[in-house]
Amino acid sequence: MRQRAELVIMLLASTLGVMAGAIVMPVLEVIRGDLGASGTEAGFIITAHGFAIAVVSPLIGRAIDRWGVRVPLAAGLIVYGVAGGAGLLITSFPLLIVSRLLLGVGAATVFSGTTVAMLAMATGTRRDQVMGWRTTATTAGGLIWPLLAGVLGGISWHATFGIYLVGIPLGIATLLAMPKHRAAQDGSTETLTGSALDLVRRYPKLLIWYGLMIATGLMMYSLAVFLPQRLAQLGIEAPIFVSLFMVVQALASIGVGLGYARIRTRFGFTTLLRATACCWVVAFTILGLVAHPAPVFVASALFGLGNGLLLPVITVLIGETPPAGRRGQATSLSGTAIFAGQFGSPLVFGPLMAATSITTGYLLAAAIAATILAGLLAIRVDSPTETGASRSDVLDAGPVKSAPGQ
C-alpha cells in the first residue's frame, strides 16, 4: 500500500510542472494590465521560474544521485507551494518576479525528483506504461489547472495563485510515503561526482536529446506567452475562454499518454520523434496563416498530440543513456534544457513579433520544427539498454517484456 501511495503521489506531483506556467496563462493579460507590464515583461511572469530551474537543476540532480529522492523532493514541493502561493498577496511586478524565481527552485526539484523516482519503478513495457501514466498526469494538470485558474481569474488574478499551495500537502505526503532509500543504482562503478561536462562527453547522444528539450520549451512557451495576445486580436479575451485552448492541447496529450504503452508496441522511438516534429510543423503553420479562432483549436490539439508522444520517449532516452547512478544528473540537465527553452522563448519570438506580427513569429516556429524534422529523418534512434534496479514489483507488473527499439 505504501508503494502504491508513492506512485500516486509521484503522479500528482508530476502535474505541477505544467502548472507552474499554465495556470498564469489565463490571467496573464489581466496581470499585465494591472501591473503595467509590457508584453515581453509579461512573458517573464510565466518564464522566470524556468530561468531558476535552468540554473539550479544540475545541483539538484547531483544531490538526488548522492542522497536519494525523498527529502529533496519533499522540500522542493513545500518551497513550490509557498513561493507560488505568495502571488496571493503580491502587488508589485518586481516582487512577483522574485517569487517566480523561488518557485523555480522548488519546481526544479519536483521535475528531477519525480522523473528519477518513476524511472526506477519499472522496466520494459511496464516502464512504457508508467511513462504513459506520467504523461497523462502531467497533461491532466494542463487540463484541470488552467480551467480552475480561468474560474478563479474571473474573481481576481491573485486568487489564481492559491492553486500553488497544493505543493505543501504533497511535500508532507512525500515524507510519509516515500521510503528512505538512495537513488536507484545499477551496480556500475562510475563516479557520482562527475561534472555535467563529463556526463555529455561520456554520452554525447544526450546533447541531441537536450537539444530537443530546448526546442520543446521554445515551442511550448511561444504558445503560453503569445497565444493569449493573438486570441485577443481575434476577439477572445475572457480568461475562461482563453484557457480552453490550453485544455484542448492537454486533452490530446492525455489521450496519447493513456495509449502510449500500446503505441510503443507498434512504433519505435524514431517514428514517434518524427511524428512529434510533423505535428509541430503543421500546428505552427496553421497558427501562422489563419485569422479565425476555430483552426487555432486544431493547432493546439496537434501540438498536444506531438508533446504527448515526445515526453515519454525523451524521458526514457535521457534517463537510460547513462548508468542509473548518474540518472539524477542526466534528468536534471533535461530540466535545464527545457526550462532554458521556456525562459528564452519570449526573447527569441518577442522582438520578432513586436517588429512584425505574432503570425510571423509562429511561421518562424514552423521553420524551426521543419529543420528538426529534417534532422530526425536523417538518423535512427534505438532504445537504450535498460539498466538499473527494477521496481516493477511496486506495480505488480508480473513478467517484464522488452519494448521494441525501432
Protein backbone atom coordinates (compact mmCIF):
# COMPACT_ATOMS: atom_id res chain seq x y z
CA MET A 1 0.00 0.00 0.00
CA ARG A 2 2.85 2.36 0.82
CA GLN A 3 4.47 1.65 -2.54
CA ARG A 4 1.22 2.32 -4.39
CA ALA A 5 0.76 5.51 -2.37
CA GLU A 6 4.22 6.60 -3.52
CA LEU A 7 3.22 6.07 -7.15
CA VAL A 8 0.02 8.10 -6.70
CA ILE A 9 1.94 10.94 -5.04
CA MET A 10 4.50 10.96 -7.87
CA LEU A 11 1.72 11.15 -10.43
CA LEU A 12 0.08 14.04 -8.57
CA ALA A 13 3.40 15.83 -8.20
CA SER A 14 4.01 15.35 -11.93
CA THR A 15 1.05 17.64 -12.64
CA LEU A 16 2.85 20.55 -11.00
CA GLY A 17 5.45 21.06 -13.75
CA VAL A 18 2.96 22.24 -16.36
CA MET A 19 1.01 24.02 -13.65
CA ALA A 20 3.92 26.36 -12.91
CA GLY A 21 3.26 28.40 -16.03
CA ALA A 22 -0.09 27.16 -17.32
CA ILE A 23 -2.26 28.49 -14.50
CA VAL A 24 -0.91 32.01 -15.01
CA MET A 25 -1.65 31.99 -18.73
CA PRO A 26 -5.43 32.64 -18.50
CA VAL A 27 -4.86 35.73 -16.32
CA LEU A 28 -1.65 36.93 -17.97
CA GLU A 29 -3.29 39.82 -19.81
CA VAL A 30 -5.11 40.85 -16.62
CA ILE A 31 -1.85 40.86 -14.64
CA ARG A 32 -0.08 42.76 -17.42
CA GLY A 33 -2.71 45.49 -17.35
CA ASP A 34 -2.89 45.68 -13.55
CA LEU A 35 0.88 45.85 -13.02
CA GLY A 36 1.60 47.94 -16.13
CA ALA A 37 3.95 45.39 -17.70
CA SER A 38 4.90 45.27 -21.36
CA GLY A 39 4.24 42.20 -23.50
CA THR A 40 7.81 40.93 -23.10
CA GLU A 41 7.79 41.66 -19.34
CA ALA A 42 4.54 39.75 -19.04
CA GLY A 43 6.27 36.81 -20.67
CA PHE A 44 8.77 36.73 -17.82
CA ILE A 45 5.93 36.19 -15.34
CA ILE A 46 5.48 32.69 -16.72
CA THR A 47 9.10 32.04 -17.69
CA ALA A 48 11.12 33.42 -14.73
CA HIS A 49 10.72 30.12 -12.91
CA GLY A 50 12.25 28.44 -15.98
CA PHE A 51 15.42 30.52 -15.56
CA ALA A 52 15.74 29.38 -11.94
CA ILE A 53 15.18 25.76 -12.95
CA ALA A 54 17.86 26.01 -15.63
CA VAL A 55 20.38 27.35 -13.10
CA VAL A 56 19.77 25.10 -10.09
CA SER A 57 18.80 21.81 -11.76
CA PRO A 58 22.37 20.42 -12.11
CA LEU A 59 22.98 20.90 -8.38
CA ILE A 60 19.69 19.24 -7.51
CA GLY A 61 20.42 16.30 -9.81
CA ARG A 62 23.76 15.59 -8.14
CA ALA A 63 22.15 15.85 -4.71
CA ILE A 64 19.50 13.29 -5.72
CA ASP A 65 22.16 10.89 -7.06
CA ARG A 66 24.12 11.14 -3.81
CA TRP A 67 21.41 11.30 -1.13
CA GLY A 68 18.27 9.95 -2.75
CA VAL A 69 14.96 11.46 -3.77
CA ARG A 70 12.81 11.62 -0.62
CA VAL A 71 13.99 14.66 1.34
CA PRO A 72 14.98 16.89 -1.63
CA LEU A 73 11.66 16.21 -3.35
CA ALA A 74 9.59 16.86 -0.22
CA ALA A 75 11.44 20.13 0.43
CA GLY A 76 11.04 21.15 -3.19
CA LEU A 77 7.29 20.58 -3.09
CA ILE A 78 6.93 22.74 0.01
CA VAL A 79 9.05 25.54 -1.48
CA TYR A 80 6.93 25.27 -4.63
CA GLY A 81 3.74 25.73 -2.64
CA VAL A 82 4.96 28.64 -0.52
CA ALA A 83 6.67 30.59 -3.32
CA GLY A 84 3.86 30.05 -5.81
CA GLY A 85 1.17 30.90 -3.27
CA ALA A 86 2.91 34.17 -2.47
CA GLY A 87 1.16 35.64 -5.52
CA LEU A 88 -1.99 35.77 -3.40
CA LEU A 89 -0.56 38.82 -1.64
CA ILE A 90 1.95 40.37 -4.06
CA THR A 91 1.01 43.64 -5.80
CA SER A 92 4.42 44.60 -7.24
CA PHE A 93 5.87 43.36 -10.53
CA PRO A 94 9.48 43.03 -9.18
CA LEU A 95 8.30 41.08 -6.13
CA LEU A 96 6.18 38.85 -8.34
CA ILE A 97 9.26 38.01 -10.43
CA VAL A 98 11.25 37.22 -7.25
CA SER A 99 8.52 34.83 -6.11
CA ARG A 100 8.53 33.20 -9.54
CA LEU A 101 12.29 32.63 -9.30
CA LEU A 102 11.84 30.95 -5.90
CA LEU A 103 9.02 28.90 -7.40
CA GLY A 104 11.54 27.69 -9.97
CA VAL A 105 13.85 26.33 -7.27
CA GLY A 106 11.02 24.17 -5.97
CA ALA A 107 9.89 23.21 -9.46
CA ALA A 108 13.42 22.08 -10.40
CA THR A 109 13.43 19.63 -7.51
CA VAL A 110 9.94 18.40 -8.36
CA PHE A 111 10.85 17.88 -12.02
CA SER A 112 14.06 15.92 -11.37
CA GLY A 113 12.79 14.08 -8.29
CA THR A 114 9.60 12.74 -9.85
CA THR A 115 11.43 11.74 -13.04
CA VAL A 116 14.12 9.76 -11.20
CA ALA A 117 11.58 8.13 -8.89
CA MET A 118 9.30 7.00 -11.72
CA LEU A 119 12.10 5.75 -13.98
CA ALA A 120 13.13 3.45 -11.12
CA MET A 121 9.66 1.94 -10.78
CA ALA A 122 9.68 -0.46 -13.73
CA THR A 123 11.47 -1.66 -16.88
CA GLY A 124 10.48 -2.73 -20.38
CA THR A 125 6.87 -2.46 -21.45
CA ARG A 126 5.79 -1.75 -17.89
CA ARG A 127 8.01 1.31 -17.91
CA ASP A 128 6.28 2.43 -21.10
CA GLN A 129 3.01 2.19 -19.20
CA VAL A 130 4.38 4.17 -16.26
CA MET A 131 5.76 6.83 -18.60
CA GLY A 132 2.39 6.97 -20.33
CA TRP A 133 0.70 7.47 -16.97
CA ARG A 134 3.19 10.22 -16.19
CA THR A 135 2.41 11.97 -19.46
CA THR A 136 -1.30 11.61 -18.73
CA ALA A 137 -0.87 13.03 -15.23
CA THR A 138 1.33 15.87 -16.44
CA THR A 139 -1.06 16.89 -19.17
CA ALA A 140 -4.09 16.36 -16.96
CA GLY A 141 -2.57 19.20 -14.97
CA GLY A 142 -2.70 21.15 -18.22
CA LEU A 143 -6.41 20.40 -18.36
CA ILE A 144 -7.51 20.85 -14.76
CA TRP A 145 -5.28 23.65 -13.51
CA PRO A 146 -5.89 26.13 -16.40
CA LEU A 147 -9.64 25.57 -16.09
CA LEU A 148 -9.51 26.23 -12.36
CA ALA A 149 -7.25 29.21 -12.99
CA GLY A 150 -9.71 30.59 -15.51
CA VAL A 151 -12.54 30.32 -12.98
CA LEU A 152 -10.54 31.90 -10.16
CA GLY A 153 -9.20 34.52 -12.57
CA GLY A 154 -12.75 35.73 -13.03
CA ILE A 155 -12.70 36.64 -9.32
CA SER A 156 -9.19 38.06 -9.09
CA TRP A 157 -5.86 37.29 -10.69
CA HIS A 158 -4.44 36.98 -7.16
CA ALA A 159 -6.84 34.11 -6.40
CA THR A 160 -5.28 32.07 -9.20
CA PHE A 161 -2.01 31.82 -7.28
CA GLY A 162 -3.70 29.99 -4.41
CA ILE A 163 -3.64 26.85 -6.58
CA TYR A 164 0.12 26.54 -5.98
CA LEU A 165 -0.49 25.81 -2.29
CA VAL A 166 -1.26 22.20 -3.22
CA GLY A 167 2.51 21.63 -3.19
CA ILE A 168 2.62 21.85 0.61
CA PRO A 169 0.45 18.81 1.45
CA LEU A 170 2.13 16.86 -1.37
CA GLY A 171 5.51 17.60 0.21
CA ILE A 172 4.33 16.29 3.57
CA ALA A 173 2.83 13.19 1.91
CA THR A 174 6.15 12.52 0.17
CA LEU A 175 7.97 12.43 3.50
CA LEU A 176 5.42 9.97 4.88
CA ALA A 177 5.05 7.65 1.88
CA MET A 178 8.44 7.52 0.19
CA PRO A 179 10.97 5.03 1.67
CA LYS A 180 14.34 6.25 2.90
CA HIS A 181 16.38 4.81 0.07
CA ARG A 182 19.12 6.18 -2.11
CA ALA A 183 18.58 6.86 -5.79
CA ALA A 184 18.46 3.65 -7.82
CA GLN A 185 21.86 2.21 -8.65
CA ASP A 186 22.75 -0.31 -11.34
CA GLY A 187 25.90 -1.73 -9.85
CA SER A 188 28.21 0.36 -12.03
CA THR A 189 31.42 1.76 -10.61
CA GLU A 190 31.11 5.09 -12.40
CA THR A 191 31.64 8.04 -10.07
CA LEU A 192 28.62 10.03 -8.97
CA THR A 193 30.63 13.24 -8.69
CA GLY A 194 31.49 13.86 -12.34
CA SER A 195 30.60 17.22 -13.83
CA ALA A 196 27.84 17.86 -16.33
CA LEU A 197 30.53 18.37 -18.98
CA ASP A 198 31.96 14.96 -18.15
CA LEU A 199 28.49 13.44 -18.49
CA VAL A 200 27.87 14.74 -22.02
CA ARG A 201 31.43 13.83 -23.04
CA ARG A 202 30.86 10.24 -22.00
CA TYR A 203 27.37 10.12 -23.53
CA PRO A 204 27.28 12.60 -26.45
CA LYS A 205 23.83 11.43 -27.58
CA LEU A 206 22.50 13.35 -24.60
CA LEU A 207 23.27 16.57 -26.49
CA ILE A 208 20.70 15.60 -29.14
CA TRP A 209 18.03 14.87 -26.56
CA TYR A 210 18.76 18.06 -24.65
CA GLY A 211 18.52 19.98 -27.92
CA LEU A 212 15.04 18.54 -28.44
CA MET A 213 14.12 19.59 -24.91
CA ILE A 214 15.27 23.15 -25.61
CA ALA A 215 13.15 23.18 -28.77
CA THR A 216 10.18 21.83 -26.80
CA GLY A 217 10.49 24.68 -24.32
CA LEU A 218 10.72 27.26 -27.08
CA MET A 219 7.66 25.91 -28.86
CA MET A 220 5.58 25.37 -25.73
CA TYR A 221 6.05 28.86 -24.38
CA SER A 222 5.62 30.55 -27.72
CA LEU A 223 2.03 29.37 -27.21
CA ALA A 224 1.79 30.10 -23.50
CA VAL A 225 3.14 33.65 -23.82
CA PHE A 226 1.87 34.87 -27.17
CA LEU A 227 -1.25 32.84 -27.93
CA PRO A 228 -3.37 34.89 -25.45
CA GLN A 229 -2.27 38.06 -27.26
CA ARG A 230 -3.13 36.50 -30.63
CA LEU A 231 -6.53 35.39 -29.31
CA ALA A 232 -7.16 38.92 -28.06
CA GLN A 233 -6.55 40.11 -31.63
CA LEU A 234 -9.19 37.58 -32.73
CA GLY A 235 -11.69 38.87 -30.19
CA ILE A 236 -11.21 36.25 -27.43
CA GLU A 237 -10.14 37.87 -24.14
CA ALA A 238 -12.14 36.30 -21.27
CA PRO A 239 -9.79 34.11 -19.15
CA ILE A 240 -12.16 31.14 -19.15
CA PHE A 241 -12.29 31.06 -22.96
CA VAL A 242 -8.54 31.57 -23.32
CA SER A 243 -7.98 28.60 -21.01
CA LEU A 244 -9.97 26.33 -23.34
CA PHE A 245 -7.21 26.48 -25.95
CA MET A 246 -4.78 25.01 -23.41
CA VAL A 247 -7.39 22.46 -22.38
CA VAL A 248 -7.73 21.03 -25.89
CA GLN A 249 -3.94 20.75 -26.04
CA ALA A 250 -3.97 18.85 -22.76
CA LEU A 251 -6.77 16.52 -23.87
CA ALA A 252 -4.75 15.46 -26.91
CA SER A 253 -1.70 14.68 -24.75
CA ILE A 254 -3.83 12.78 -22.22
CA GLY A 255 -5.21 10.56 -24.96
CA VAL A 256 -1.70 9.73 -26.14
CA GLY A 257 -0.50 9.09 -22.60
CA LEU A 258 -3.29 6.62 -21.88
CA GLY A 259 -2.47 4.66 -25.03
CA TYR A 260 1.30 5.11 -25.01
CA ALA A 261 2.18 1.56 -23.95
CA ARG A 262 0.19 0.17 -26.91
CA ILE A 263 1.69 2.76 -29.25
CA ARG A 264 5.19 1.64 -28.22
CA THR A 265 4.42 -1.98 -29.10
CA ARG A 266 3.91 -0.87 -32.71
CA PHE A 267 6.24 2.08 -33.22
CA GLY A 268 9.84 2.75 -32.29
CA PHE A 269 11.41 5.88 -30.91
CA THR A 270 12.46 7.09 -34.38
CA THR A 271 8.90 7.07 -35.69
CA LEU A 272 7.49 8.76 -32.60
CA LEU A 273 10.06 11.56 -32.64
CA ARG A 274 9.41 12.20 -36.33
CA ALA A 275 5.66 12.24 -35.69
CA THR A 276 6.21 14.88 -32.99
CA ALA A 277 8.12 17.11 -35.39
CA CYS A 278 5.38 16.69 -38.02
CA CYS A 279 2.75 17.78 -35.51
CA TRP A 280 4.82 20.86 -34.67
CA VAL A 281 5.25 21.82 -38.33
CA VAL A 282 1.53 21.60 -39.10
CA ALA A 283 0.43 23.27 -35.85
CA PHE A 284 2.63 26.33 -36.20
CA THR A 285 1.93 26.65 -39.92
CA ILE A 286 -1.76 26.88 -39.06
CA LEU A 287 -1.08 29.46 -36.35
CA GLY A 288 0.99 31.49 -38.78
CA LEU A 289 -1.64 31.57 -41.52
CA VAL A 290 -5.13 31.56 -40.01
CA ALA A 291 -7.23 34.54 -38.94
CA HIS A 292 -10.09 32.69 -37.22
CA PRO A 293 -10.22 31.09 -33.75
CA ALA A 294 -11.56 27.68 -34.91
CA PRO A 295 -8.35 26.46 -36.62
CA VAL A 296 -6.39 27.58 -33.54
CA PHE A 297 -8.16 24.78 -31.65
CA VAL A 298 -6.86 22.31 -34.25
CA ALA A 299 -3.33 23.67 -33.94
CA SER A 300 -3.47 23.41 -30.14
CA ALA A 301 -4.64 19.80 -30.39
CA LEU A 302 -1.84 18.90 -32.82
CA PHE A 303 0.76 20.45 -30.55
CA GLY A 304 -0.62 18.49 -27.62
CA LEU A 305 -0.55 15.29 -29.65
CA GLY A 306 3.10 15.84 -30.53
CA ASN A 307 4.08 16.56 -26.94
CA GLY A 308 2.20 13.50 -25.73
CA LEU A 309 4.42 11.38 -27.98
CA LEU A 310 7.64 13.22 -27.20
CA LEU A 311 7.67 13.43 -23.41
CA PRO A 312 7.74 9.71 -22.52
CA VAL A 313 10.19 8.97 -25.33
CA ILE A 314 12.66 11.69 -24.41
CA THR A 315 12.39 10.92 -20.68
CA VAL A 316 13.43 7.29 -21.24
CA LEU A 317 16.16 8.22 -23.72
CA ILE A 318 17.73 10.67 -21.27
CA GLY A 319 17.19 8.58 -18.15
CA GLU A 320 18.58 5.36 -19.62
CA THR A 321 21.53 6.68 -21.63
CA PRO A 322 23.90 6.96 -18.62
CA PRO A 323 24.11 4.44 -15.74
CA ALA A 324 21.40 4.73 -13.08
CA GLY A 325 23.97 6.19 -10.70
CA ARG A 326 24.00 9.37 -12.79
CA ARG A 327 20.32 9.38 -13.69
CA GLY A 328 19.53 12.31 -11.39
CA GLN A 329 22.20 14.42 -13.05
CA ALA A 330 21.06 13.46 -16.56
CA THR A 331 17.39 14.17 -15.90
CA SER A 332 18.18 17.41 -14.10
CA LEU A 333 20.04 18.64 -17.17
CA SER A 334 16.93 17.88 -19.21
CA GLY A 335 15.14 20.24 -16.82
CA THR A 336 17.82 22.83 -17.50
CA ALA A 337 17.31 22.36 -21.24
CA ILE A 338 13.52 22.55 -21.41
CA PHE A 339 13.19 25.43 -18.99
CA ALA A 340 16.02 27.34 -20.61
CA GLY A 341 14.00 27.00 -23.78
CA GLN A 342 10.91 28.26 -21.98
CA PHE A 343 12.76 31.22 -20.50
CA GLY A 344 14.31 32.07 -23.86
CA SER A 345 11.05 31.79 -25.78
CA PRO A 346 9.89 35.40 -25.26
CA LEU A 347 13.43 36.58 -26.05
CA VAL A 348 13.51 34.62 -29.32
CA PHE A 349 9.97 35.32 -30.50
CA GLY A 350 9.09 38.54 -28.65
CA PRO A 351 11.27 41.04 -30.55
CA LEU A 352 10.35 39.49 -33.92
CA MET A 353 6.64 39.53 -33.14
CA ALA A 354 6.86 43.10 -31.86
CA ALA A 355 8.62 44.20 -35.05
CA THR A 356 6.38 42.24 -37.42
CA SER A 357 3.41 40.20 -36.16
CA ILE A 358 2.58 37.26 -33.94
CA THR A 359 1.77 35.17 -37.00
CA THR A 360 5.25 35.82 -38.42
CA GLY A 361 6.75 34.51 -35.18
CA TYR A 362 4.69 31.33 -35.49
CA LEU A 363 5.89 30.82 -39.04
CA LEU A 364 9.43 31.01 -37.66
CA ALA A 365 8.46 28.29 -35.16
CA ALA A 366 7.17 26.18 -38.05
CA ALA A 367 10.50 26.63 -39.85
CA ILE A 368 12.41 25.54 -36.73
CA ALA A 369 10.17 22.47 -36.45
CA ALA A 370 10.77 21.64 -40.13
CA THR A 371 14.53 21.81 -39.53
CA ILE A 372 14.18 19.42 -36.59
CA LEU A 373 12.12 17.05 -38.73
CA ALA A 374 14.79 17.07 -41.44
CA GLY A 375 17.41 16.14 -38.84
CA LEU A 376 15.28 13.32 -37.43
CA LEU A 377 14.71 11.92 -40.92
CA ALA A 378 18.47 11.53 -41.24
CA ILE A 379 19.01 9.46 -38.08
CA ARG A 380 17.81 6.27 -36.42
CA VAL A 381 17.05 6.27 -32.70
CA ASP A 382 17.47 2.94 -30.91
CA SER A 383 16.11 2.23 -27.45
CA PRO A 384 18.92 2.48 -24.88
CA THR A 385 19.79 -0.64 -22.90
CA GLU A 386 17.57 -0.95 -19.86
CA THR A 387 19.76 -0.82 -16.76
CA GLY A 388 19.40 -0.12 -13.09
CA ALA A 389 17.36 -1.57 -10.31
CA SER A 390 13.85 -2.63 -11.27
CA ARG A 391 10.95 -1.72 -9.07
CA SER A 392 8.31 -3.35 -11.24
CA ASP A 393 7.07 -5.18 -8.17
CA VAL A 394 5.75 -1.84 -6.99
CA LEU A 395 3.18 -2.04 -9.76
CA ASP A 396 2.54 -5.79 -9.51
CA ALA A 397 3.54 -5.93 -13.15
CA GLY A 398 4.37 -9.59 -13.43
CA PRO A 399 6.86 -10.65 -16.10
CA VAL A 400 8.55 -7.75 -17.85
CA LYS A 401 8.77 -7.71 -21.63
CA SER A 402 11.20 -5.65 -23.62
CA ALA A 403 9.80 -2.80 -25.68
CA PRO A 404 10.83 -2.57 -29.32
CA GLY A 405 13.83 -0.44 -30.08
CA GLN A 406 12.68 0.51 -33.56
